[in-house]
């Protein structure tokens, strides 16, 4: 729940920022000078791009949560029993060792979104966020194609 609250807070901060920067863009366009108009339009693009990126991340989180709930209801969520360091982070060697099992499952059933979801959690546990997100997108895509 804390992650949702943080995401909401960041979205609110972004909306305030986008409003302020957008207003500056409007003021620049309102000057009527060609250079200021071009700069004002460029300044307006920044909040639009940011809004798209924020929306995309929220959608990714929402869709990941839907898959997690569905997998949990079926009893297919991976068990979080890896040893942790005193800081609370998962022991990297243990995560790497468990990773092989999830990779083998994904190779054995490449069309099953469930194995890609579990592989994504294994990537995340191993500290490879880029591959975790990439793999989760694959799980989401397969889930959506099968629904």
Protein backbone atom coordinates (compact mmCIF):
# COMPACT_ATOMS: atom_id res chain seq x y z
CA UNK A 1 0.00 0.00 0.00
CA UNK A 2 2.91 2.34 0.69
CA UNK A 3 3.99 2.10 -2.96
CA UNK A 4 0.53 3.22 -4.09
CA UNK A 5 0.61 6.19 -1.73
CA UNK A 6 4.06 7.16 -2.96
CA UNK A 7 2.96 6.88 -6.59
CA UNK A 8 -0.10 9.00 -5.87
CA UNK A 9 1.98 11.64 -4.11
CA UNK A 10 4.47 11.75 -6.98
CA UNK A 11 1.62 12.06 -9.49
CA UNK A 12 0.19 15.00 -7.53
CA UNK A 13 3.62 16.67 -7.40
CA UNK A 14 3.97 16.12 -11.14
CA UNK A 15 0.56 17.68 -11.84
CA UNK A 16 1.56 20.78 -9.85
CA UNK A 17 4.91 20.93 -11.67
CA UNK A 18 3.26 20.43 -15.06
CA UNK A 19 0.74 23.15 -14.29
CA UNK A 20 3.45 25.62 -13.32
CA UNK A 21 5.68 24.85 -16.29
CA UNK A 22 2.68 24.79 -18.62
CA UNK A 23 1.63 28.22 -17.42
CA UNK A 24 5.14 29.52 -18.20
CA UNK A 25 4.77 28.10 -21.70
CA UNK A 26 1.45 29.89 -22.15
CA UNK A 27 2.99 33.15 -20.94
CA UNK A 28 5.85 32.77 -23.41
CA UNK A 29 3.45 32.13 -26.27
CA UNK A 30 1.38 35.14 -25.18
CA UNK A 31 4.30 37.52 -25.75
CA UNK A 32 3.79 37.26 -29.50
CA UNK A 33 7.52 37.18 -30.24
CA UNK A 34 8.55 34.34 -32.57
CA UNK A 35 11.44 33.09 -30.44
CA UNK A 36 9.31 33.19 -27.28
CA UNK A 37 6.47 31.38 -29.06
CA UNK A 38 8.80 28.58 -30.19
CA UNK A 39 10.24 28.34 -26.68
CA UNK A 40 6.73 28.39 -25.16
CA UNK A 41 5.60 25.53 -27.40
CA UNK A 42 8.74 23.57 -26.47
CA UNK A 43 8.04 24.22 -22.77
CA UNK A 44 4.46 22.92 -23.23
CA UNK A 45 5.77 19.70 -24.77
CA UNK A 46 7.67 18.84 -21.56
CA UNK A 47 4.55 18.43 -19.35
CA UNK A 48 2.75 16.55 -22.12
CA UNK A 49 5.61 14.10 -22.48
CA UNK A 50 5.84 13.80 -18.70
CA UNK A 51 2.10 13.18 -18.41
CA UNK A 52 2.33 10.39 -20.98
CA UNK A 53 5.23 8.78 -19.12
CA UNK A 54 3.48 9.03 -15.74
CA UNK A 55 0.29 7.56 -17.23
CA UNK A 56 2.27 4.72 -18.80
CA UNK A 57 3.96 3.86 -15.49
CA UNK A 58 0.68 3.93 -13.60
CA UNK A 59 -0.88 1.64 -16.22
CA UNK A 60 2.10 -0.72 -15.93
CA UNK A 61 1.70 -0.86 -12.16
CA UNK A 62 -2.06 -1.36 -12.37
CA UNK A 63 -1.76 -4.17 -14.92
CA UNK A 64 1.03 -5.84 -12.93
CA UNK A 65 -1.19 -5.72 -9.86
CA UNK A 66 -4.06 -7.35 -11.77
CA UNK A 67 -1.78 -10.21 -12.81
CA UNK A 68 -0.44 -10.60 -9.28
CA UNK A 69 -3.96 -10.82 -7.82
CA UNK A 70 -4.99 -13.36 -10.43
CA UNK A 71 -1.87 -15.45 -9.84
CA UNK A 72 -2.33 -15.22 -6.08
CA UNK A 73 -5.94 -16.41 -6.36
CA UNK A 74 -4.71 -19.44 -8.31
CA UNK A 75 -1.97 -20.12 -5.74
CA UNK A 76 0.78 -19.48 -8.29
CA UNK A 77 2.68 -16.58 -6.76
CA UNK A 78 6.32 -17.39 -6.04
CA UNK A 79 7.12 -17.83 -2.37
CA UNK A 80 9.31 -15.06 -0.96
CA UNK A 81 11.58 -17.26 1.14
CA UNK A 82 14.99 -16.10 -0.04
CA UNK A 83 17.47 -15.13 2.67
CA UNK A 84 17.92 -11.42 3.26
CA UNK A 85 20.82 -9.26 4.29
CA UNK A 86 20.58 -7.16 7.46
CA UNK A 87 19.47 -4.24 5.26
CA UNK A 88 16.43 -6.25 4.15
CA UNK A 89 17.61 -6.73 0.59
CA UNK A 90 17.55 -10.22 -0.85
CA UNK A 91 20.87 -12.06 -0.84
CA UNK A 92 22.12 -11.82 -4.43
CA UNK A 93 23.70 -15.29 -4.52
CA UNK A 94 20.47 -16.92 -3.31
CA UNK A 95 18.43 -14.95 -5.86
CA UNK A 96 20.78 -16.00 -8.66
CA UNK A 97 20.48 -19.63 -7.59
CA UNK A 98 16.67 -19.52 -7.54
CA UNK A 99 16.64 -17.70 -10.86
CA UNK A 100 17.57 -20.83 -12.81
CA UNK A 101 14.33 -22.58 -11.84
CA UNK A 102 12.16 -19.71 -13.08
CA UNK A 103 14.13 -19.39 -16.31
CA UNK A 104 13.72 -23.12 -16.98
CA UNK A 105 9.95 -22.81 -16.40
CA UNK A 106 9.76 -19.93 -18.88
CA UNK A 107 11.72 -21.87 -21.48
CA UNK A 108 9.47 -24.92 -20.99
CA UNK A 109 6.21 -22.94 -21.35
CA UNK A 110 6.99 -19.78 -23.35
CA UNK A 111 3.30 -19.00 -24.03
CA UNK A 112 2.21 -19.00 -20.37
CA UNK A 113 2.08 -15.52 -18.83
CA UNK A 114 2.34 -17.04 -15.35
CA UNK A 115 5.90 -18.29 -15.88
CA UNK A 116 6.94 -14.91 -17.29
CA UNK A 117 5.45 -13.19 -14.25
CA UNK A 118 7.44 -15.46 -11.94
CA UNK A 119 10.59 -14.96 -14.04
CA UNK A 120 10.08 -11.21 -13.72
CA UNK A 121 10.00 -11.51 -9.93
CA UNK A 122 13.20 -13.57 -10.09
CA UNK A 123 14.90 -10.88 -12.17
CA UNK A 124 13.73 -8.29 -9.67
CA UNK A 125 15.04 -10.34 -6.75
CA UNK A 126 18.38 -10.67 -8.52
CA UNK A 127 18.52 -6.87 -8.87
CA UNK A 128 18.04 -6.72 -12.66
CA UNK A 129 15.24 -4.16 -12.83
CA UNK A 130 15.48 -3.61 -16.59
CA UNK A 131 14.94 -7.28 -17.41
CA UNK A 132 12.31 -7.58 -14.69
CA UNK A 133 10.23 -4.84 -16.31
CA UNK A 134 10.82 -6.21 -19.80
CA UNK A 135 9.73 -9.67 -18.71
CA UNK A 136 6.70 -8.30 -16.87
CA UNK A 137 5.66 -6.48 -20.05
CA UNK A 138 5.86 -9.82 -21.85
CA UNK A 139 3.68 -11.43 -19.16
CA UNK A 140 1.15 -8.58 -19.45
CA UNK A 141 1.08 -8.90 -23.24
CA UNK A 142 0.53 -12.65 -23.09
CA UNK A 143 -2.15 -12.26 -20.43
CA UNK A 144 -3.98 -9.66 -22.49
CA UNK A 145 -3.71 -11.76 -25.66
CA UNK A 146 -5.16 -14.78 -23.84
CA UNK A 147 -8.04 -12.87 -22.22
